[in-house]
Amino acid sequence: DISDNKITGSIPPSIGDLEHLLKLYLSFPLFL
């Protein structure tokens, strides 16, 4: 059940991580 949850729950979080990384990259120049 845990491994299945990781597989099914690994796709949406990956998209969320990409969005989060993009936001970080976009905000980095503002801080620099």
PDB file of N, CA and C in Angstrom:
ATOM      1  N   ASP A   1       0.838  -1.202   0.000  1.00  0.00           N
ATOM      2  CA  ASP A   1       0.000   0.000   0.000  1.00  0.00           C
ATOM      3  C   ASP A   1       0.876   1.258   0.000  1.00  0.00           C
ATOM      4  N   ILE A   2       1.966   1.198   0.765  1.00  0.00           N
ATOM      5  CA  ILE A   2       2.844   2.364   0.856  1.00  0.00           C
ATOM      6  C   ILE A   2       3.540   2.605  -0.487  1.00  0.00           C
ATOM      7  N   SER A   3       4.076   1.526  -1.081  1.00  0.00           N
ATOM      8  CA  SER A   3       4.779   1.666  -2.352  1.00  0.00           C
ATOM      9  C   SER A   3       3.811   2.109  -3.441  1.00  0.00           C
ATOM     10  N   ASP A   4       2.569   1.590  -3.408  1.00  0.00           N
ATOM     11  CA  ASP A   4       1.577   1.967  -4.412  1.00  0.00           C
ATOM     12  C   ASP A   4       1.228   3.449  -4.263  1.00  0.00           C
ATOM     13  N   ASN A   5       1.164   3.895  -3.022  1.00  0.00           N
ATOM     14  CA  ASN A   5       0.858   5.298  -2.763  1.00  0.00           C
ATOM     15  C   ASN A   5       1.989   6.190  -3.277  1.00  0.00           C
ATOM     16  N   LYS A   6       3.217   5.701  -3.157  1.00  0.00           N
ATOM     17  CA  LYS A   6       4.361   6.470  -3.642  1.00  0.00           C
ATOM     18  C   LYS A   6       4.310   6.587  -5.162  1.00  0.00           C
ATOM     19  N   ILE A   7       3.935   5.477  -5.831  1.00  0.00           N
ATOM     20  CA  ILE A   7       3.899   5.476  -7.291  1.00  0.00           C
ATOM     21  C   ILE A   7       2.801   6.417  -7.794  1.00  0.00           C
ATOM     22  N   THR A   8       1.596   6.260  -7.233  1.00  0.00           N
ATOM     23  CA  THR A   8       0.473   7.074  -7.697  1.00  0.00           C
ATOM     24  C   THR A   8       0.631   8.517  -7.241  1.00  0.00           C
ATOM     25  N   GLY A   9       1.313   8.732  -6.135  1.00  0.00           N
ATOM     26  CA  GLY A   9       1.463  10.087  -5.604  1.00  0.00           C
ATOM     27  C   GLY A   9       2.771  10.726  -6.023  1.00  0.00           C
ATOM     28  N   SER A  10       3.524  10.064  -6.898  1.00  0.00           N
ATOM     29  CA  SER A  10       4.811  10.614  -7.303  1.00  0.00           C
ATOM     30  C   SER A  10       4.664  11.485  -8.540  1.00  0.00           C
ATOM     31  N   ILE A  11       3.557  11.324  -9.264  1.00  0.00           N
ATOM     32  CA  ILE A  11       3.376  12.106 -10.493  1.00  0.00           C
ATOM     33  C   ILE A  11       2.932  13.544 -10.174  1.00  0.00           C
ATOM     34  N   PRO A  12       1.862  13.736  -9.424  1.00  0.00           N
ATOM     35  CA  PRO A  12       1.423  15.098  -9.098  1.00  0.00           C
ATOM     36  C   PRO A  12       2.484  15.902  -8.338  1.00  0.00           C
ATOM     37  N   PRO A  13       3.130  15.329  -7.311  1.00  0.00           N
ATOM     38  CA  PRO A  13       4.168  16.047  -6.582  1.00  0.00           C
ATOM     39  C   PRO A  13       5.329  16.458  -7.484  1.00  0.00           C
ATOM     40  N   SER A  14       5.656  15.620  -8.473  1.00  0.00           N
ATOM     41  CA  SER A  14       6.763  15.963  -9.368  1.00  0.00           C
ATOM     42  C   SER A  14       6.420  17.234 -10.130  1.00  0.00           C
ATOM     43  N   ILE A  15       5.157  17.350 -10.546  1.00  0.00           N
ATOM     44  CA  ILE A  15       4.717  18.560 -11.252  1.00  0.00           C
ATOM     45  C   ILE A  15       4.769  19.746 -10.298  1.00  0.00           C
ATOM     46  N   GLY A  16       4.336  19.509  -9.063  1.00  0.00           N
ATOM     47  CA  GLY A  16       4.368  20.576  -8.064  1.00  0.00           C
ATOM     48  C   GLY A  16       5.797  20.996  -7.770  1.00  0.00           C
ATOM     49  N   ASP A  17       6.727  20.029  -7.727  1.00  0.00           N
ATOM     50  CA  ASP A  17       8.137  20.346  -7.478  1.00  0.00           C
ATOM     51  C   ASP A  17       8.692  21.187  -8.619  1.00  0.00           C
ATOM     52  N   LEU A  18       8.336  20.818  -9.864  1.00  0.00           N
ATOM     53  CA  LEU A  18       8.813  21.574 -11.019  1.00  0.00           C
ATOM     54  C   LEU A  18       8.309  23.011 -10.944  1.00  0.00           C
ATOM     55  N   GLU A  19       7.027  23.154 -10.584  1.00  0.00           N
ATOM     56  CA  GLU A  19       6.462  24.505 -10.457  1.00  0.00           C
ATOM     57  C   GLU A  19       7.183  25.278  -9.358  1.00  0.00           C
ATOM     58  N   HIS A  20       7.454  24.580  -8.246  1.00  0.00           N
ATOM     59  CA  HIS A  20       8.134  25.224  -7.118  1.00  0.00           C
ATOM     60  C   HIS A  20       9.545  25.644  -7.528  1.00  0.00           C
ATOM     61  N   LEU A  21      10.252  24.762  -8.252  1.00  0.00           N
ATOM     62  CA  LEU A  21      11.605  25.076  -8.704  1.00  0.00           C
ATOM     63  C   LEU A  21      11.585  26.257  -9.662  1.00  0.00           C
ATOM     64  N   LEU A  22      10.590  26.259 -10.578  1.00  0.00           N
ATOM     65  CA  LEU A  22      10.477  27.368 -11.527  1.00  0.00           C
ATOM     66  C   LEU A  22      10.269  28.682 -10.784  1.00  0.00           C
ATOM     67  N   LYS A  23       9.400  28.649  -9.770  1.00  0.00           N
ATOM     68  CA  LYS A  23       9.138  29.871  -8.996  1.00  0.00           C
ATOM     69  C   LYS A  23      10.406  30.313  -8.279  1.00  0.00           C
ATOM     70  N   LEU A  24      11.174  29.339  -7.759  1.00  0.00           N
ATOM     71  CA  LEU A  24      12.416  29.681  -7.066  1.00  0.00           C
ATOM     72  C   LEU A  24      13.409  30.310  -8.041  1.00  0.00           C
ATOM     73  N   TYR A  25      13.535  29.701  -9.230  1.00  0.00           N
ATOM     74  CA  TYR A  25      14.466  30.222 -10.233  1.00  0.00           C
ATOM     75  C   TYR A  25      14.057  31.622 -10.666  1.00  0.00           C
ATOM     76  N   LEU A  26      12.721  31.830 -10.791  1.00  0.00           N
ATOM     77  CA  LEU A  26      12.232  33.140 -11.231  1.00  0.00           C
ATOM     78  C   LEU A  26      12.434  34.192 -10.147  1.00  0.00           C
ATOM     79  N   SER A  27      12.381  33.774  -8.887  1.00  0.00           N
ATOM     80  CA  SER A  27      12.497  34.730  -7.788  1.00  0.00           C
ATOM     81  C   SER A  27      13.959  34.944  -7.389  1.00  0.00           C
ATOM     82  N   PHE A  28      14.837  34.038  -7.794  1.00  0.00           N
ATOM     83  CA  PHE A  28      16.250  34.160  -7.422  1.00  0.00           C
ATOM     84  C   PHE A  28      16.877  35.455  -7.948  1.00  0.00           C
ATOM     85  N   PRO A  29      16.697  35.790  -9.238  1.00  0.00           N
ATOM     86  CA  PRO A  29      17.275  37.029  -9.782  1.00  0.00           C
ATOM     87  C   PRO A  29      16.793  38.255  -9.008  1.00  0.00           C
ATOM     88  N   LEU A  30      15.566  38.210  -8.497  1.00  0.00           N
ATOM     89  CA  LEU A  30      15.044  39.348  -7.739  1.00  0.00           C
ATOM     90  C   LEU A  30      15.835  39.529  -6.452  1.00  0.00           C
ATOM     91  N   PHE A  31      16.213  38.399  -5.818  1.00  0.00           N
ATOM     92  CA  PHE A  31      16.969  38.476  -4.571  1.00  0.00           C
ATOM     93  C   PHE A  31      18.427  38.834  -4.855  1.00  0.00           C
ATOM     94  N   LEU A  32      18.952  38.348  -5.967  1.00  0.00           N
ATOM     95  CA  LEU A  32      20.340  38.633  -6.309  1.00  0.00           C
ATOM     96  C   LEU A  32      20.467  40.085  -6.754  1.00  0.00           C
TER      97      LEU A  32
END
